[in-house]
Each structure stands twice: as C-alpha cells, then as structure tokens.
Amino acid sequence: MTNKVSPQSLKNEGLSASLASVTRIIKKLQITGSVANLPRSGRPKKLSEEAKAFIDQQMQKNDEMTSRQIQKKLEKYGISVCSATVRRTRKKLAWTAEDGVLSAHPSPKQIAKV
C-alpha cells in the first residue's frame, strides 16, 4: 500500500473499514507508537479475574457454600471484599438459586455480563 490512503486503495487491499477509521488508527500509531487502547478512567474492579475464577471454583466444589464462607477464604489470600460483592459475583457467574439450591444455569443475559 502506498503512503496515500484513499477509499479506493482500501478496497483494493480488501479492507472494509472507512477512511476515517484508517486515518484515526494511523494517527494513533504515529502519536503513541501503538494501536492498543489506553486504560480507561473510572473505578477499578474489586475482584480480579483470578478471584472470580476462585469463587467459581469454590462453588463447583461445594454449591452450598455461603458468600460469607467464600469471603473468609478470599481473606486468607489477602483479598478483602464484603459478602455482598461475593453474592453479586456469583450471580454474574450464573450461580442462581432454584428451589433454594444454587446451580450454574446461565441465562443469555448473564452470559453477556461475564
């Protein structure tokens, strides 16, 4: 591809991106040296992906574990969160209560959240 970018040159290269998108990516590459997205601002997540996996693993071992029991296990590993955070995480991981028993049956909405 030549240095000049035109809609026709994009089509010739088999790209379906708009000229504006390509221009924005090239500008980003020139300024930052990378096309990777920068970290966003905002409140950081309380639980890492590893902690979420730990909660899921604990629920698979014993689906009758309470959020308080999981919270205490997390504290042993230096992760301090309230039991409500554990409950919300279990819900996002699709551990739902059916007839008083927790089970992993994700709904399409829950799958999209994770």
C-alpha atoms as a PDB file:
ATOM      1  CA  MET A   1       0.000   0.000   0.000  1.00  0.00           C
ATOM      2  CA  THR A   2       1.270   3.489  -0.752  1.00  0.00           C
ATOM      3  CA  ASN A   3       1.606   6.352   1.752  1.00  0.00           C
ATOM      4  CA  LYS A   4      -1.561   7.959   0.414  1.00  0.00           C
ATOM      5  CA  VAL A   5      -4.745   6.365   1.725  1.00  0.00           C
ATOM      6  CA  SER A   6      -7.910   6.653  -0.319  1.00  0.00           C
ATOM      7  CA  PRO A   7     -11.208   4.793  -0.260  1.00  0.00           C
ATOM      8  CA  GLN A   8     -10.240   3.061  -3.489  1.00  0.00           C
ATOM      9  CA  SER A   9      -6.864   1.945  -2.130  1.00  0.00           C
ATOM     10  CA  LEU A  10      -8.673   0.475   0.893  1.00  0.00           C
ATOM     11  CA  LYS A  11     -10.993  -1.516  -1.383  1.00  0.00           C
ATOM     12  CA  ASN A  12      -8.010  -2.668  -3.443  1.00  0.00           C
ATOM     13  CA  GLU A  13      -6.395  -4.026  -0.274  1.00  0.00           C
ATOM     14  CA  GLY A  14      -9.601  -5.851   0.673  1.00  0.00           C
ATOM     15  CA  LEU A  15     -10.353  -3.677   3.714  1.00  0.00           C
ATOM     16  CA  SER A  16     -13.918  -2.770   4.536  1.00  0.00           C
ATOM     17  CA  ALA A  17     -13.010  -0.050   7.061  1.00  0.00           C
ATOM     18  CA  SER A  18     -13.911   3.560   6.467  1.00  0.00           C
ATOM     19  CA  LEU A  19     -11.287   6.096   5.519  1.00  0.00           C
ATOM     20  CA  ALA A  20     -11.909   7.938   8.803  1.00  0.00           C
ATOM     21  CA  SER A  21     -11.239   4.779  10.818  1.00  0.00           C
ATOM     22  CA  VAL A  22      -7.987   4.076   9.000  1.00  0.00           C
ATOM     23  CA  THR A  23      -6.880   7.706   9.372  1.00  0.00           C
ATOM     24  CA  ARG A  24      -7.654   7.611  13.117  1.00  0.00           C
ATOM     25  CA  ILE A  25      -5.651   4.395  13.580  1.00  0.00           C
ATOM     26  CA  ILE A  26      -2.680   5.758  11.630  1.00  0.00           C
ATOM     27  CA  LYS A  27      -2.717   8.967  13.695  1.00  0.00           C
ATOM     28  CA  LYS A  28      -2.883   6.962  16.925  1.00  0.00           C
ATOM     29  CA  LEU A  29       0.068   4.833  15.787  1.00  0.00           C
ATOM     30  CA  GLN A  30       2.130   7.934  14.950  1.00  0.00           C
ATOM     31  CA  ILE A  31       1.386   9.620  18.292  1.00  0.00           C
ATOM     32  CA  THR A  32       1.617   6.691  20.715  1.00  0.00           C
ATOM     33  CA  GLY A  33       3.656   4.154  18.744  1.00  0.00           C
ATOM     34  CA  SER A  34       0.904   1.584  19.269  1.00  0.00           C
ATOM     35  CA  VAL A  35      -2.680   0.949  18.237  1.00  0.00           C
ATOM     36  CA  ALA A  36      -3.582  -0.576  21.616  1.00  0.00           C
ATOM     37  CA  ASN A  37      -6.365   1.059  23.597  1.00  0.00           C
ATOM     38  CA  LEU A  38      -5.284   3.098  26.607  1.00  0.00           C
ATOM     39  CA  PRO A  39      -6.669   2.229  30.039  1.00  0.00           C
ATOM     40  CA  ARG A  40      -9.993   3.895  30.734  1.00  0.00           C
ATOM     41  CA  SER A  41     -10.665   6.062  33.734  1.00  0.00           C
ATOM     42  CA  GLY A  42     -13.116   5.000  36.396  1.00  0.00           C
ATOM     43  CA  ARG A  43     -13.383   2.926  39.483  1.00  0.00           C
ATOM     44  CA  PRO A  44     -11.250  -0.222  39.345  1.00  0.00           C
ATOM     45  CA  LYS A  45     -12.882  -3.623  39.722  1.00  0.00           C
ATOM     46  CA  LYS A  46     -12.869  -5.023  43.251  1.00  0.00           C
ATOM     47  CA  LEU A  47     -12.203  -8.575  42.103  1.00  0.00           C
ATOM     48  CA  SER A  48      -9.617  -9.692  39.585  1.00  0.00           C
ATOM     49  CA  GLU A  49     -10.363 -12.374  37.011  1.00  0.00           C
ATOM     50  CA  GLU A  50      -8.375 -14.814  39.196  1.00  0.00           C
ATOM     51  CA  ALA A  51     -10.581 -14.028  42.219  1.00  0.00           C
ATOM     52  CA  LYS A  52     -13.720 -14.540  40.104  1.00  0.00           C
ATOM     53  CA  ALA A  53     -12.328 -17.873  38.935  1.00  0.00           C
ATOM     54  CA  PHE A  54     -11.616 -18.779  42.575  1.00  0.00           C
ATOM     55  CA  ILE A  55     -15.246 -18.058  43.519  1.00  0.00           C
ATOM     56  CA  ASP A  56     -16.480 -20.162  40.601  1.00  0.00           C
ATOM     57  CA  GLN A  57     -14.115 -22.990  41.573  1.00  0.00           C
ATOM     58  CA  GLN A  58     -15.335 -22.909  45.190  1.00  0.00           C
ATOM     59  CA  MET A  59     -18.941 -23.061  44.024  1.00  0.00           C
ATOM     60  CA  GLN A  60     -18.177 -26.029  41.771  1.00  0.00           C
ATOM     61  CA  LYS A  61     -16.585 -27.860  44.710  1.00  0.00           C
ATOM     62  CA  ASN A  62     -19.468 -27.109  47.067  1.00  0.00           C
ATOM     63  CA  ASP A  63     -22.530 -25.348  45.689  1.00  0.00           C
ATOM     64  CA  GLU A  64     -23.905 -24.891  49.206  1.00  0.00           C
ATOM     65  CA  MET A  65     -21.086 -22.544  50.292  1.00  0.00           C
ATOM     66  CA  THR A  66     -22.338 -19.238  51.600  1.00  0.00           C
ATOM     67  CA  SER A  67     -20.985 -15.921  50.418  1.00  0.00           C
ATOM     68  CA  ARG A  68     -19.608 -15.381  53.933  1.00  0.00           C
ATOM     69  CA  GLN A  69     -17.605 -18.645  53.749  1.00  0.00           C
ATOM     70  CA  ILE A  70     -16.177 -17.681  50.364  1.00  0.00           C
ATOM     71  CA  GLN A  71     -15.392 -14.209  51.698  1.00  0.00           C
ATOM     72  CA  LYS A  72     -13.354 -15.730  54.538  1.00  0.00           C
ATOM     73  CA  LYS A  73     -11.449 -17.946  52.088  1.00  0.00           C
ATOM     74  CA  LEU A  74     -10.666 -14.908  49.935  1.00  0.00           C
ATOM     75  CA  GLU A  75      -9.373 -13.072  53.027  1.00  0.00           C
ATOM     76  CA  LYS A  76      -6.879 -15.906  53.585  1.00  0.00           C
ATOM     77  CA  TYR A  77      -5.392 -14.959  50.203  1.00  0.00           C
ATOM     78  CA  GLY A  78      -5.315 -11.253  51.049  1.00  0.00           C
ATOM     79  CA  ILE A  79      -8.444 -10.305  49.093  1.00  0.00           C
ATOM     80  CA  SER A  80     -10.768  -8.259  51.287  1.00  0.00           C
ATOM     81  CA  VAL A  81     -14.296  -7.829  49.929  1.00  0.00           C
ATOM     82  CA  CYS A  82     -17.716  -7.803  51.545  1.00  0.00           C
ATOM     83  CA  SER A  83     -20.083 -10.736  51.244  1.00  0.00           C
ATOM     84  CA  ALA A  84     -22.394  -8.667  49.007  1.00  0.00           C
ATOM     85  CA  THR A  85     -19.580  -8.435  46.429  1.00  0.00           C
ATOM     86  CA  VAL A  86     -19.252 -12.226  46.539  1.00  0.00           C
ATOM     87  CA  ARG A  87     -23.031 -12.595  46.058  1.00  0.00           C
ATOM     88  CA  ARG A  88     -23.047 -10.215  43.077  1.00  0.00           C
ATOM     89  CA  THR A  89     -20.092 -12.062  41.554  1.00  0.00           C
ATOM     90  CA  ARG A  90     -21.816 -15.422  41.997  1.00  0.00           C
ATOM     91  CA  LYS A  91     -24.867 -14.004  40.247  1.00  0.00           C
ATOM     92  CA  LYS A  92     -22.753 -12.680  37.355  1.00  0.00           C
ATOM     93  CA  LEU A  93     -21.095 -16.103  37.101  1.00  0.00           C
ATOM     94  CA  ALA A  94     -24.619 -17.547  36.665  1.00  0.00           C
ATOM     95  CA  TRP A  95     -24.850 -19.298  40.027  1.00  0.00           C
ATOM     96  CA  THR A  96     -28.586 -18.944  40.563  1.00  0.00           C
ATOM     97  CA  ALA A  97     -30.857 -20.231  43.292  1.00  0.00           C
ATOM     98  CA  GLU A  98     -33.523 -22.631  42.108  1.00  0.00           C
ATOM     99  CA  ASP A  99     -35.718 -24.096  44.825  1.00  0.00           C
ATOM    100  CA  GLY A 100     -33.186 -22.955  47.427  1.00  0.00           C
ATOM    101  CA  VAL A 101     -30.259 -24.723  45.708  1.00  0.00           C
ATOM    102  CA  LEU A 102     -27.530 -22.844  43.866  1.00  0.00           C
ATOM    103  CA  SER A 103     -26.719 -24.137  40.418  1.00  0.00           C
ATOM    104  CA  ALA A 104     -24.884 -22.935  37.317  1.00  0.00           C
ATOM    105  CA  HIS A 105     -27.560 -22.373  34.679  1.00  0.00           C
ATOM    106  CA  PRO A 106     -26.717 -19.122  32.903  1.00  0.00           C
ATOM    107  CA  SER A 107     -29.378 -17.135  31.146  1.00  0.00           C
ATOM    108  CA  PRO A 108     -28.433 -15.322  27.915  1.00  0.00           C
ATOM    109  CA  LYS A 109     -28.402 -12.046  29.871  1.00  0.00           C
ATOM    110  CA  GLN A 110     -26.000 -13.494  32.473  1.00  0.00           C
ATOM    111  CA  ILE A 111     -23.698 -14.844  29.754  1.00  0.00           C
ATOM    112  CA  ALA A 112     -23.414 -11.355  28.288  1.00  0.00           C
ATOM    113  CA  LYS A 113     -22.407  -9.874  31.689  1.00  0.00           C
ATOM    114  CA  VAL A 114     -19.416 -12.161  32.197  1.00  0.00           C
END
